[in-house]
PDB file of N, CA and C in Angstrom:
ATOM      1  N   MET A   1     -11.160   1.420   6.206  1.00  0.00           N
ATOM      2  CA  MET A   1     -10.868   1.070   7.248  1.00  0.00           C
ATOM      3  C   MET A   1      -9.104   0.077   7.060  1.00  0.00           C
ATOM      4  N   PRO A   2      -8.550   0.145   7.337  1.00  0.00           N
ATOM      5  CA  PRO A   2      -6.557  -0.467   6.851  1.00  0.00           C
ATOM      6  C   PRO A   2      -7.113  -1.532   7.387  1.00  0.00           C
ATOM      7  N   ALA A   3      -6.007  -2.081   6.683  1.00  0.00           N
ATOM      8  CA  ALA A   3      -5.464  -4.079   6.174  1.00  0.00           C
ATOM      9  C   ALA A   3      -4.917  -4.413   7.144  1.00  0.00           C
ATOM     10  N   ALA A   4      -4.002  -3.416   7.862  1.00  0.00           N
ATOM     11  CA  ALA A   4      -2.871  -4.157   8.484  1.00  0.00           C
ATOM     12  C   ALA A   4      -2.301  -3.083   8.905  1.00  0.00           C
ATOM     13  N   TYR A   5      -1.881  -2.965  10.669  1.00  0.00           N
ATOM     14  CA  TYR A   5      -1.475  -1.837  11.064  1.00  0.00           C
ATOM     15  C   TYR A   5       0.229  -2.063  12.033  1.00  0.00           C
ATOM     16  N   THR A   6       0.612  -1.306  11.373  1.00  0.00           N
ATOM     17  CA  THR A   6       1.689  -1.206  11.980  1.00  0.00           C
ATOM     18  C   THR A   6       2.600  -0.611  13.106  1.00  0.00           C
ATOM     19  N   ASP A   7       4.193  -0.698  13.046  1.00  0.00           N
ATOM     20  CA  ASP A   7       4.461   0.819  14.127  1.00  0.00           C
ATOM     21  C   ASP A   7       5.006   0.998  13.199  1.00  0.00           C
ATOM     22  N   PHE A   8       6.265   2.249  13.560  1.00  0.00           N
ATOM     23  CA  PHE A   8       6.170   3.521  12.371  1.00  0.00           C
ATOM     24  C   PHE A   8       7.654   3.751  12.019  1.00  0.00           C
ATOM     25  N   TRP A   9       7.696   2.055  12.039  1.00  0.00           N
ATOM     26  CA  TRP A   9       9.315   1.793  10.942  1.00  0.00           C
ATOM     27  C   TRP A   9       8.771   2.674   9.561  1.00  0.00           C
ATOM     28  N   SER A  10       9.547   3.500   8.829  1.00  0.00           N
ATOM     29  CA  SER A  10       9.410   4.085   7.419  1.00  0.00           C
ATOM     30  C   SER A  10       9.457   3.560   6.279  1.00  0.00           C
ATOM     31  N   ALA A  11      10.210   1.931   6.591  1.00  0.00           N
ATOM     32  CA  ALA A  11       9.959   1.514   5.498  1.00  0.00           C
ATOM     33  C   ALA A  11       8.402   1.009   4.768  1.00  0.00           C
ATOM     34  N   TYR A  12       8.139   1.393   5.710  1.00  0.00           N
ATOM     35  CA  TYR A  12       5.809   0.421   5.511  1.00  0.00           C
ATOM     36  C   TYR A  12       5.635   1.532   4.800  1.00  0.00           C
ATOM     37  N   GLY A  13       6.192   2.488   4.336  1.00  0.00           N
ATOM     38  CA  GLY A  13       5.480   3.546   3.809  1.00  0.00           C
ATOM     39  C   GLY A  13       6.353   3.237   2.906  1.00  0.00           C
ATOM     40  N   THR A  14       7.055   2.943   2.423  1.00  0.00           N
ATOM     41  CA  THR A  14       7.706   2.297   1.212  1.00  0.00           C
ATOM     42  C   THR A  14       6.893   1.030   0.411  1.00  0.00           C
ATOM     43  N   VAL A  15       6.693   0.516   1.344  1.00  0.00           N
ATOM     44  CA  VAL A  15       6.096  -1.657   0.726  1.00  0.00           C
ATOM     45  C   VAL A  15       4.603  -1.221   0.375  1.00  0.00           C
ATOM     46  N   PHE A  16       4.149  -0.719   1.203  1.00  0.00           N
ATOM     47  CA  PHE A  16       2.288  -0.281   1.635  1.00  0.00           C
ATOM     48  C   PHE A  16       1.637   0.446   1.177  1.00  0.00           C
ATOM     49  N   PRO A  17       0.827   0.319   0.012  1.00  0.00           N
ATOM     50  CA  PRO A  17      -0.179   1.919  -0.103  1.00  0.00           C
ATOM     51  C   PRO A  17      -0.507   2.542   1.044  1.00  0.00           C
ATOM     52  N   SER A  18      -0.157   3.923   1.525  1.00  0.00           N
ATOM     53  CA  SER A  18      -1.322   4.680   2.553  1.00  0.00           C
ATOM     54  C   SER A  18      -2.669   3.443   2.687  1.00  0.00           C
ATOM     55  N   LYS A  19      -3.870   3.212   1.493  1.00  0.00           N
ATOM     56  CA  LYS A  19      -4.987   3.026   2.492  1.00  0.00           C
ATOM     57  C   LYS A  19      -4.868   1.855   2.646  1.00  0.00           C
ATOM     58  N   ARG A  20      -4.103   0.928   2.695  1.00  0.00           N
ATOM     59  CA  ARG A  20      -3.325  -0.430   3.369  1.00  0.00           C
ATOM     60  C   ARG A  20      -2.930  -0.842   4.577  1.00  0.00           C
ATOM     61  N   TYR A  21      -2.417   0.176   4.913  1.00  0.00           N
ATOM     62  CA  TYR A  21      -2.127   0.527   6.327  1.00  0.00           C
ATOM     63  C   TYR A  21      -2.254   1.770   6.860  1.00  0.00           C
ATOM     64  N   GLN A  22      -1.960   1.107   8.264  1.00  0.00           N
ATOM     65  CA  GLN A  22      -1.890   2.376   9.536  1.00  0.00           C
ATOM     66  C   GLN A  22      -0.710   2.263  10.528  1.00  0.00           C
ATOM     67  N   ALA A  23      -0.342   3.252  10.514  1.00  0.00           N
ATOM     68  CA  ALA A  23       1.197   3.748  11.748  1.00  0.00           C
ATOM     69  C   ALA A  23       0.851   3.146  13.253  1.00  0.00           C
ATOM     70  N   VAL A  24       0.652   2.897  14.192  1.00  0.00           N
ATOM     71  CA  VAL A  24      -0.579   2.571  15.344  1.00  0.00           C
ATOM     72  C   VAL A  24       1.447   2.597  16.426  1.00  0.00           C
ATOM     73  N   GLY A  25       1.326   3.140  17.490  1.00  0.00           N
ATOM     74  CA  GLY A  25       1.903   2.205  18.393  1.00  0.00           C
ATOM     75  C   GLY A  25       1.636   1.299  19.378  1.00  0.00           C
ATOM     76  N   LYS A  26       3.045   0.103  20.073  1.00  0.00           N
ATOM     77  CA  LYS A  26       2.763  -1.090  20.209  1.00  0.00           C
ATOM     78  C   LYS A  26       2.128  -1.300  21.255  1.00  0.00           C
ATOM     79  N   GLU A  27       1.504   0.570  22.019  1.00  0.00           N
ATOM     80  CA  GLU A  27       0.383  -0.026  23.635  1.00  0.00           C
ATOM     81  C   GLU A  27      -0.594   0.542  22.487  1.00  0.00           C
ATOM     82  N   THR A  28      -1.327  -0.077  21.385  1.00  0.00           N
ATOM     83  CA  THR A  28      -2.636  -0.488  21.268  1.00  0.00           C
ATOM     84  C   THR A  28      -3.056  -1.573  21.541  1.00  0.00           C
ATOM     85  N   GLY A  29      -2.072  -2.318  20.825  1.00  0.00           N
ATOM     86  CA  GLY A  29      -2.168  -4.210  20.865  1.00  0.00           C
ATOM     87  C   GLY A  29      -2.296  -4.245  19.307  1.00  0.00           C
ATOM     88  N   LYS A  30      -2.881  -3.120  18.217  1.00  0.00           N
ATOM     89  CA  LYS A  30      -2.814  -3.370  17.058  1.00  0.00           C
ATOM     90  C   LYS A  30      -2.087  -4.562  16.210  1.00  0.00           C
ATOM     91  N   THR A  31      -0.997  -4.129  16.737  1.00  0.00           N
ATOM     92  CA  THR A  31       0.481  -4.707  16.046  1.00  0.00           C
ATOM     93  C   THR A  31       0.862  -6.220  16.262  1.00  0.00           C
ATOM     94  N   SER A  32       0.174  -6.638  17.126  1.00  0.00           N
ATOM     95  CA  SER A  32       0.238  -7.953  17.815  1.00  0.00           C
ATOM     96  C   SER A  32      -0.347  -9.076  17.328  1.00  0.00           C
ATOM     97  N   TYR A  33      -0.914  -8.759  16.361  1.00  0.00           N
ATOM     98  CA  TYR A  33      -1.241 -10.326  14.962  1.00  0.00           C
ATOM     99  C   TYR A  33      -0.094 -10.143  14.296  1.00  0.00           C
ATOM    100  N   ILE A  34       0.631  -9.464  13.654  1.00  0.00           N
ATOM    101  CA  ILE A  34       1.446  -9.619  12.995  1.00  0.00           C
ATOM    102  C   ILE A  34       2.867  -9.852  13.428  1.00  0.00           C
ATOM    103  N   GLU A  35       3.327  -9.469  14.717  1.00  0.00           N
ATOM    104  CA  GLU A  35       3.954  -9.569  15.018  1.00  0.00           C
ATOM    105  C   GLU A  35       4.079 -11.331  15.896  1.00  0.00           C
ATOM    106  N   ARG A  36       2.985 -11.866  16.452  1.00  0.00           N
ATOM    107  CA  ARG A  36       2.861 -12.976  15.867  1.00  0.00           C
ATOM    108  C   ARG A  36       3.307 -13.869  14.999  1.00  0.00           C
ATOM    109  N   PHE A  37       2.477 -13.922  14.088  1.00  0.00           N
ATOM    110  CA  PHE A  37       2.002 -14.656  12.744  1.00  0.00           C
ATOM    111  C   PHE A  37       4.297 -14.829  12.777  1.00  0.00           C
ATOM    112  N   ASN A  38       4.451 -13.517  12.282  1.00  0.00           N
ATOM    113  CA  ASN A  38       6.074 -12.760  11.678  1.00  0.00           C
ATOM    114  C   ASN A  38       6.692 -14.074  12.808  1.00  0.00           C
ATOM    115  N   CYS A  39       6.292 -14.208  14.594  1.00  0.00           N
ATOM    116  CA  CYS A  39       7.819 -15.393  15.033  1.00  0.00           C
ATOM    117  C   CYS A  39       6.678 -16.517  14.325  1.00  0.00           C
ATOM    118  N   THR A  40       5.102 -16.481  14.086  1.00  0.00           N
ATOM    119  CA  THR A  40       5.205 -18.451  13.633  1.00  0.00           C
ATOM    120  C   THR A  40       6.075 -18.369  12.472  1.00  0.00           C
ATOM    121  N   VAL A  41       6.481 -18.035  11.618  1.00  0.00           N
ATOM    122  CA  VAL A  41       6.683 -17.924  10.762  1.00  0.00           C
ATOM    123  C   VAL A  41       8.038 -17.906  10.545  1.00  0.00           C
ATOM    124  N   CYS A  42       9.093 -17.772  11.475  1.00  0.00           N
ATOM    125  CA  CYS A  42      10.399 -17.365  11.347  1.00  0.00           C
ATOM    126  C   CYS A  42      10.998 -18.446  12.822  1.00  0.00           C
ATOM    127  N   THR A  43      10.458 -18.869  13.193  1.00  0.00           N
ATOM    128  CA  THR A  43      10.863 -20.020  14.138  1.00  0.00           C
ATOM    129  C   THR A  43      10.720 -21.193  13.609  1.00  0.00           C
ATOM    130  N   PRO A  44      13.071 -22.032  13.600  1.00  0.00           N
ATOM    131  CA  PRO A  44      13.067 -22.261  13.027  1.00  0.00           C
ATOM    132  C   PRO A  44      12.598 -24.909  13.534  1.00  0.00           C
ATOM    133  N   GLU A  45      12.180 -24.964  12.248  1.00  0.00           N
ATOM    134  CA  GLU A  45      11.797 -25.618  12.666  1.00  0.00           C
ATOM    135  C   GLU A  45      12.291 -26.966  13.094  1.00  0.00           C
ATOM    136  N   ASN A  46      13.243 -27.318  13.704  1.00  0.00           N
ATOM    137  CA  ASN A  46      13.433 -27.794  14.526  1.00  0.00           C
ATOM    138  C   ASN A  46      13.251 -27.634  15.944  1.00  0.00           C
ATOM    139  N   LEU A  47      12.470 -26.410  16.108  1.00  0.00           N
ATOM    140  CA  LEU A  47      11.861 -25.802  17.998  1.00  0.00           C
ATOM    141  C   LEU A  47      11.244 -26.749  17.951  1.00  0.00           C
ATOM    142  N   THR A  48      10.550 -26.905  16.441  1.00  0.00           N
ATOM    143  CA  THR A  48       8.796 -26.697  16.461  1.00  0.00           C
ATOM    144  C   THR A  48       8.404 -28.191  16.636  1.00  0.00           C
ATOM    145  N   SER A  49       9.383 -28.992  15.813  1.00  0.00           N
ATOM    146  CA  SER A  49       9.300 -30.792  15.979  1.00  0.00           C
ATOM    147  C   SER A  49       9.284 -31.441  17.228  1.00  0.00           C
ATOM    148  N   SER A  50       8.396 -32.414  17.477  1.00  0.00           N
ATOM    149  CA  SER A  50       8.337 -33.187  18.069  1.00  0.00           C
ATOM    150  C   SER A  50       8.879 -34.022  18.896  1.00  0.00           C
TER     151      SER A  50
END
């Protein structure tokens, strides 16, 4: 079982070992977890502070 699901961007194949990820279409919903994480990490601090 893959550890991560990605879209079909070709760079993923050079970064991740093939046994650790699987390319899937966004319509499957399996990429939403990493997309949500990336948005959380990339949100500027000034937008998240009260």
